[in-house]
Protein backbone atom coordinates (compact mmCIF):
# COMPACT_ATOMS: atom_id res chain seq x y z
CA MET A 1 -199.91 13.12 -73.16
CA ALA A 2 -203.05 14.94 -72.02
CA HIS A 3 -205.44 13.04 -69.79
CA SER A 4 -209.18 13.04 -70.52
CA ARG A 5 -211.11 14.33 -67.54
CA LEU A 6 -213.22 11.94 -65.53
CA GLU A 7 -216.79 13.23 -65.10
CA LEU A 8 -217.94 13.13 -61.49
CA SER A 9 -221.44 13.96 -60.28
CA ARG A 10 -222.33 15.77 -57.08
CA SER A 11 -223.70 12.52 -55.67
CA GLN A 12 -220.46 10.65 -56.40
CA ILE A 13 -218.33 13.37 -54.82
CA LEU A 14 -220.34 13.75 -51.63
CA SER A 15 -220.63 9.99 -51.23
CA PHE A 16 -216.87 9.63 -51.56
CA ARG A 17 -216.19 12.45 -49.09
CA ARG A 18 -218.52 10.95 -46.50
CA ARG A 19 -216.86 7.56 -46.83
CA ALA A 20 -213.35 9.06 -46.80
CA GLY A 21 -214.36 10.98 -43.67
CA PHE A 22 -215.98 7.94 -41.99
CA LEU A 23 -219.35 9.65 -41.72
CA ASP A 24 -221.49 6.87 -43.19
CA GLU A 25 -220.40 4.27 -40.65
CA ARG A 26 -218.48 4.83 -37.43
CA LEU A 27 -215.11 3.21 -36.91
CA PRO A 28 -214.55 0.90 -33.93
CA MET A 29 -212.80 2.58 -31.00
CA GLY A 30 -209.03 2.22 -31.02
CA GLU A 31 -205.83 4.14 -31.65
CA ALA A 32 -205.80 3.28 -35.37
CA SER A 33 -209.37 4.53 -35.76
CA LEU A 34 -208.61 7.76 -33.93
CA ARG A 35 -205.73 8.43 -36.30
CA GLN A 36 -207.96 7.73 -39.30
CA ALA A 37 -210.64 10.08 -37.96
CA ALA A 38 -207.97 12.78 -37.70
CA TRP A 39 -206.40 12.01 -41.10
CA CYS A 40 -206.81 15.65 -42.16
CA GLY A 41 -206.69 16.97 -38.62
CA LEU A 42 -209.57 17.92 -36.33
CA GLN A 43 -210.13 21.62 -35.97
CA ASP A 44 -210.60 22.50 -32.31
CA SER A 45 -211.04 26.28 -32.38
CA MET A 46 -214.45 25.99 -30.74
CA PRO A 47 -214.41 24.32 -27.30
CA ARG A 48 -214.37 20.54 -27.77
CA ALA A 49 -215.17 20.69 -31.48
CA ALA A 50 -212.52 18.03 -32.10
CA LEU A 51 -214.21 15.72 -29.58
CA LEU A 52 -217.56 16.03 -31.36
CA SER A 53 -215.86 15.43 -34.72
CA ILE A 54 -214.38 12.24 -33.27
CA HIS A 55 -217.81 11.21 -31.94
CA ALA A 56 -219.26 11.59 -35.45
CA ARG A 57 -216.66 9.13 -36.79
CA VAL A 58 -215.66 6.71 -34.01
CA ALA A 59 -217.99 4.56 -31.93
CA GLY A 60 -217.76 4.81 -28.16
CA ALA A 61 -216.10 8.22 -27.90
CA GLY A 62 -216.27 9.66 -24.40
CA PRO A 63 -215.75 13.11 -22.89
CA THR A 64 -211.97 12.60 -22.60
CA THR A 65 -211.30 10.86 -25.94
CA TRP A 66 -209.71 14.02 -27.34
CA GLU A 67 -207.06 13.63 -24.62
CA HIS A 68 -206.03 10.16 -25.84
CA SER A 69 -202.30 9.59 -25.51
CA SER A 70 -202.00 9.19 -29.28
CA PHE A 71 -203.20 12.76 -29.88
CA VAL A 72 -201.46 16.13 -29.68
CA GLN A 73 -202.74 19.68 -30.12
CA LEU A 74 -201.01 22.33 -32.20
CA TRP A 75 -201.64 25.45 -34.22
CA GLY A 76 -202.37 23.74 -37.52
CA PRO A 77 -203.77 24.92 -40.87
CA ARG A 78 -204.47 28.68 -40.90
CA PHE A 79 -202.97 28.72 -37.37
CA SER A 80 -206.22 27.32 -35.96
CA ALA A 81 -206.13 24.99 -32.96
CA TYR A 82 -206.06 21.38 -34.18
CA VAL A 83 -206.02 17.89 -32.71
CA VAL A 84 -203.88 15.43 -34.72
CA ALA A 85 -202.25 12.08 -34.18
CA ALA A 86 -198.91 12.65 -32.47
CA GLU A 87 -197.11 10.70 -35.18
CA ASP A 88 -198.60 13.07 -37.76
CA LEU A 89 -197.33 16.23 -36.07
CA PRO A 90 -194.59 16.69 -38.74
CA VAL A 91 -197.18 16.61 -41.54
CA PHE A 92 -199.39 19.30 -40.01
CA SER A 93 -196.50 21.52 -38.97
CA LEU A 94 -193.57 21.15 -41.37
CA GLY A 95 -196.04 20.67 -44.21
CA ARG A 96 -196.96 24.33 -43.77
CA LEU A 97 -193.43 25.73 -43.28
CA PRO A 98 -193.03 28.71 -45.64
CA GLU A 99 -190.77 28.13 -48.62
CA ASP A 100 -189.69 31.75 -48.99
CA ALA A 101 -186.54 32.72 -47.12
CA GLN A 102 -188.17 35.51 -45.11
CA GLY A 103 -191.12 33.42 -43.95
CA ARG A 104 -188.96 30.44 -43.06
CA ALA A 105 -186.50 32.62 -41.15
CA ARG A 106 -189.34 34.19 -39.17
CA ALA A 107 -190.68 30.73 -38.25
CA HIS A 108 -187.32 29.40 -37.10
CA ASP A 109 -186.33 32.61 -35.30
CA THR A 110 -189.64 32.73 -33.40
CA ALA A 111 -189.30 29.04 -32.49
CA SER A 112 -185.72 29.51 -31.30
CA ARG A 113 -186.56 32.51 -29.11
CA LEU A 114 -189.61 30.77 -27.66
CA HIS A 115 -187.63 27.62 -26.90
CA ALA A 116 -184.91 29.62 -25.15
CA PHE A 117 -187.45 31.62 -23.14
CA LEU A 118 -189.55 28.66 -21.99
CA ASP A 119 -186.46 26.60 -21.16
CA GLY A 120 -188.54 23.46 -20.58
CA ARG A 121 -191.49 25.25 -18.94
CA ARG A 122 -195.16 25.18 -19.96
CA MET A 123 -196.86 28.55 -19.99
CA GLY A 124 -199.98 30.30 -21.22
CA PHE A 125 -199.21 31.68 -24.65
CA GLY A 126 -200.42 35.17 -23.69
CA GLU A 127 -198.17 35.23 -20.66
CA ALA A 128 -195.24 33.95 -22.71
CA GLY A 129 -195.72 36.51 -25.46
CA HIS A 130 -195.96 39.46 -23.09
CA ALA A 131 -192.94 38.28 -21.11
CA MET A 132 -190.96 38.04 -24.36
CA GLY A 133 -192.06 41.53 -25.36
CA VAL A 134 -194.02 40.39 -28.44
CA HIS A 135 -197.67 40.10 -29.36
CA PRO A 136 -198.76 36.62 -28.22
CA ASN A 137 -200.33 35.82 -31.59
CA SER A 138 -196.91 36.22 -33.22
CA LEU A 139 -195.80 33.05 -31.43
CA ARG A 140 -198.00 31.09 -33.83
CA TYR A 141 -195.40 31.70 -36.53
CA ALA A 142 -193.24 29.10 -34.76
CA ALA A 143 -195.85 26.35 -35.19
CA PRO A 144 -194.77 25.26 -38.72
CA THR A 145 -191.35 24.27 -37.36
CA GLY A 146 -193.00 21.37 -35.54
CA THR A 147 -191.44 22.38 -32.22
CA VAL A 148 -194.47 24.00 -30.56
CA VAL A 149 -197.44 22.09 -29.16
CA LEU A 150 -200.23 23.19 -26.88
CA ARG A 151 -203.09 22.21 -24.67
CA TRP A 152 -206.32 24.16 -24.84
CA GLU A 153 -209.14 23.34 -22.48
CA GLY A 154 -211.57 25.66 -24.25
CA ALA A 155 -212.05 28.21 -21.48
CA ARG A 156 -208.68 29.83 -20.88
CA GLN A 157 -205.77 30.62 -23.16
CA PRO A 158 -203.75 27.70 -24.56
CA VAL A 159 -200.75 26.46 -22.61
CA ILE A 160 -197.74 26.00 -24.88
CA TRP A 161 -194.38 24.25 -24.68
CA THR A 162 -191.63 23.19 -27.05
CA VAL A 163 -190.60 19.74 -28.28
CA PRO A 164 -187.69 18.45 -30.39
CA ALA A 165 -187.82 19.27 -34.08
CA PRO A 166 -189.35 16.46 -36.20
CA GLY A 167 -186.96 14.51 -38.38
CA LEU A 168 -188.87 14.90 -41.65
CA ASP A 169 -188.01 16.91 -44.72
CA PRO A 170 -190.50 19.83 -45.04
CA GLY A 171 -190.95 19.08 -48.73
CA HIS A 172 -191.97 15.51 -48.01
CA ALA A 173 -194.30 16.74 -45.27
CA ARG A 174 -195.95 19.18 -47.71
CA LEU A 175 -196.54 16.41 -50.24
CA GLU A 176 -198.12 14.18 -47.59
CA LEU A 177 -200.32 17.05 -46.38
CA ALA A 178 -201.54 17.58 -49.94
CA ARG A 179 -202.20 13.87 -50.45
CA ARG A 180 -204.30 13.81 -47.29
CA TYR A 181 -206.18 16.90 -48.39
CA LEU A 182 -206.92 15.36 -51.78
CA HIS A 183 -208.12 12.13 -50.18
CA VAL A 184 -210.50 13.76 -47.70
CA PHE A 185 -211.57 16.87 -49.65
CA GLY A 186 -211.15 15.66 -53.22
CA PRO A 187 -211.82 16.61 -55.93
CA ALA A 188 -209.64 19.61 -55.16
CA THR A 189 -207.43 22.26 -56.71
CA ALA A 190 -204.13 23.84 -55.74
CA ALA A 191 -206.03 27.04 -54.90
CA SER A 192 -208.39 25.25 -52.51
CA PHE A 193 -205.43 23.45 -50.91
CA ALA A 194 -203.68 26.79 -50.34
CA LYS A 195 -206.80 28.21 -48.68
CA TRP A 196 -207.32 25.19 -46.44
CA ALA A 197 -203.66 24.80 -45.41
CA GLY A 198 -203.03 28.52 -45.02
CA ILE A 199 -200.03 28.55 -47.37
CA ARG A 200 -199.15 30.79 -50.30
CA PRO A 201 -200.80 29.84 -53.63
CA PRO A 202 -197.45 29.44 -55.47
CA GLU A 203 -196.36 26.89 -52.85
CA ALA A 204 -199.60 24.96 -53.31
CA HIS A 205 -199.24 24.97 -57.11
CA THR A 206 -195.66 23.69 -56.84
CA THR A 207 -196.87 20.88 -54.58
CA PHE A 208 -199.64 19.85 -56.99
CA GLU A 209 -197.17 19.87 -59.86
CA ALA A 210 -194.90 17.54 -57.90
CA LEU A 211 -197.86 15.18 -57.40
CA ARG A 212 -199.11 15.42 -61.00
CA GLU A 213 -198.17 11.85 -61.97
CA SER A 214 -200.25 10.44 -59.10
CA LEU A 215 -203.34 12.56 -59.84
CA THR A 216 -206.35 12.10 -62.10
CA PRO A 217 -207.99 15.16 -63.72
CA VAL A 218 -211.75 15.35 -63.19
CA HIS A 219 -214.65 17.57 -64.11
CA THR A 220 -217.21 18.34 -61.41
CA PRO A 221 -220.44 20.38 -61.35
CA VAL A 222 -218.38 23.33 -60.03
CA GLY A 223 -215.38 23.05 -62.34
CA ASP A 224 -212.19 21.16 -63.11
CA ALA A 225 -210.17 19.65 -60.29
CA TRP A 226 -207.95 16.70 -59.31
CA ILE A 227 -208.27 13.50 -57.33
CA LEU A 228 -205.68 10.97 -56.23
CA ALA A 229 -205.40 8.33 -58.94
CA ASP A 230 -205.59 5.67 -56.22
CA ASP A 231 -208.99 7.04 -55.19
CA GLU A 232 -210.56 6.79 -58.64
CA PRO A 233 -212.07 3.30 -58.09
CA ALA A 234 -213.70 4.50 -54.86
CA PHE A 235 -215.36 7.40 -56.70
CA ARG A 236 -216.87 4.91 -59.14
CA VAL A 237 -218.36 2.68 -56.41
CA ARG A 238 -222.12 2.89 -56.10
CA SER A 239 -223.15 4.70 -52.93
CA LYS A 240 -224.32 2.70 -49.96
CA SER A 241 -226.77 3.98 -47.38
CA ALA A 242 -225.69 7.16 -45.62
CA ALA A 243 -225.89 7.40 -41.84
CA PRO A 244 -229.30 8.58 -40.57
CA VAL A 245 -227.86 11.56 -38.65
CA ARG A 246 -224.57 13.16 -37.73
CA LEU A 247 -224.19 16.37 -35.73
CA LEU A 248 -221.02 17.95 -37.09
CA PRO A 249 -219.47 20.67 -34.90
CA SER A 250 -218.35 24.13 -35.97
CA GLY A 251 -215.41 23.83 -38.36
CA ASP A 252 -215.77 20.09 -38.94
CA THR A 253 -213.64 18.79 -41.81
CA TYR A 254 -216.67 17.77 -43.89
CA TYR A 255 -217.75 21.37 -44.48
CA LEU A 256 -214.46 23.23 -43.98
CA LEU A 257 -214.82 24.61 -47.49
CA TRP A 258 -214.56 27.84 -49.44
CA GLY A 259 -215.68 29.16 -52.82
CA ALA A 260 -217.32 26.83 -55.32
CA ASP A 261 -216.92 23.84 -53.00
CA ARG A 262 -219.55 25.36 -50.74
CA ALA A 263 -222.03 25.48 -53.63
CA LEU A 264 -221.38 21.80 -54.29
CA LEU A 265 -222.17 20.83 -50.70
CA VAL A 266 -225.05 23.29 -50.21
CA PRO A 267 -226.49 24.44 -53.57
CA ASP A 268 -228.91 26.99 -52.06
CA ALA A 269 -227.03 30.31 -51.64
CA ARG A 270 -229.35 31.39 -48.83
CA ARG A 271 -228.58 28.23 -46.87
CA GLN A 272 -224.87 28.68 -47.51
CA ALA A 273 -225.04 32.02 -45.68
CA GLU A 274 -226.71 30.29 -42.72
CA LEU A 275 -224.00 27.62 -42.46
CA TRP A 276 -220.88 29.63 -43.30
CA THR A 277 -221.63 32.76 -41.33
CA SER A 278 -219.37 35.81 -41.07
CA ARG A 279 -218.69 34.99 -37.42
CA VAL A 280 -218.59 31.66 -35.57
CA TRP A 281 -220.02 28.92 -37.76
CA PRO A 282 -222.87 26.84 -36.34
CA GLY A 283 -222.71 23.06 -36.48
CA ALA A 284 -224.01 21.24 -39.56
CA LEU A 285 -226.91 18.80 -39.34
CA LEU A 286 -226.18 15.90 -41.69
CA VAL A 287 -229.27 13.78 -42.42
CA GLN A 288 -229.15 10.84 -44.85
CA GLY A 289 -226.04 12.28 -46.46
CA GLU A 290 -227.33 15.83 -46.98
CA ILE A 291 -226.89 18.95 -44.85
CA ALA A 292 -230.47 19.61 -43.75
CA GLY A 293 -230.00 22.35 -41.16
CA VAL A 294 -227.71 23.86 -38.55
CA TRP A 295 -227.37 23.48 -34.81
CA ARG A 296 -225.92 25.39 -31.90
CA ARG A 297 -225.11 24.48 -28.32
CA LEU A 298 -225.21 26.33 -25.04
CA GLY A 299 -224.09 23.92 -22.33
CA GLY A 300 -226.37 20.93 -22.68
CA GLU A 301 -229.05 22.78 -24.64
CA ILE A 302 -229.00 21.95 -28.36
CA THR A 303 -230.93 24.23 -30.71
CA VAL A 304 -231.67 22.74 -34.15
CA GLU A 305 -232.77 24.88 -37.09
CA VAL A 306 -234.01 22.76 -40.00
CA TRP A 307 -234.17 23.62 -43.70
CA ARG A 308 -237.07 21.31 -44.57
CA SER A 309 -239.92 19.43 -42.93
CA PHE A 310 -238.77 16.53 -40.75
CA SER A 311 -240.81 13.42 -40.07
CA HIS A 312 -241.49 12.34 -36.50
CA LEU A 313 -238.96 9.52 -36.92
CA GLU A 314 -236.31 11.91 -38.23
CA ARG A 315 -236.80 14.20 -35.25
CA GLU A 316 -236.50 11.27 -32.86
CA THR A 317 -233.30 10.17 -34.59
CA VAL A 318 -231.79 13.67 -34.39
CA GLU A 319 -232.69 13.92 -30.71
CA ALA A 320 -231.15 10.51 -29.99
CA GLU A 321 -227.93 11.56 -31.73
CA ALA A 322 -227.87 14.85 -29.82
CA MET A 323 -228.34 13.09 -26.50
CA SER A 324 -225.42 10.78 -27.31
CA LEU A 325 -222.94 13.67 -27.63
CA PRO A 326 -220.11 13.03 -25.10
CA LEU A 327 -220.13 16.54 -23.67
CA PRO A 328 -218.00 16.92 -20.53
CA GLY A 329 -219.16 18.43 -17.26
CA LEU A 330 -222.92 18.36 -17.84
CA LYS A 331 -225.06 18.35 -14.70
CA ARG A 332 -228.31 17.50 -16.43
CA PRO A 333 -229.39 15.57 -19.55
CA ILE A 334 -229.02 17.13 -22.99
CA THR A 335 -232.16 18.80 -24.31
CA VAL A 336 -233.12 19.63 -27.91
CA CYS A 337 -235.06 22.71 -29.04
CA TRP A 338 -236.41 22.80 -32.63
CA ILE A 339 -236.68 25.94 -34.73
């Protein structure tokens, strides 16, 4: 029987995403909160981006919180550097294992050769690749097996090593990855899931079909999509007050979007081009639940470019948030420059 589509407004969607991403109210510090903050992974391709994403969601984050014993780094979605809860490593690795025979064989063969070469050692991935006679970037193909983890300090190349293969069925891992995506990014489509996860569109469509009975069809201002049926009540809840300010780093989950989803978050096409640039993305300035500008950092110098007039109080609030960023290794206080 066909389902009637639930109508969702832009306000309902963005309110839900902020709450699902813990951006309206910070979580108390603790291992459980850190895992929740990283429910869809924390992209860490820019130095310490994951740390600043944690700071936006968890109270009391410090310069070394990203190194918490409950975390691990890996090449996650789209082979970008990610910080995830160690217990969720199978989801973010095996959940992306190719389903086609050629892709899966390449992943397992690369992982096997890397494991044999490292033989328990930790090594820079560039050094390892050259010593193995392959392009270092090709070693990323081993990541979806769940046997390769890394540590990246942000300045030099990542150090990699191998770990035992996770004991989770890749199909189950893919379903859990999709459920997490739908919860944090919903409403969503199979196509948007494929883009975010870095998997082939047919694999994403198969996954959504397998989840069909637990999904609710919805209509949004940018088209038809799906949400988790369990999340429907939360979409219907009246929005509470959004946080005054959050400084979201480059690649933060909240705006890790493509296509029509970008127009939903930032309706002005000119502003979209300023946030999702062709090179390294700037950070997003979230004010009272709306992206109101972008920001960049050079050491402890924060440059803020706003898209509207800010009151004196709003500027003070942004500056206070900027000065609270737990940036490591600073020798002088954080300063804010307005554009």
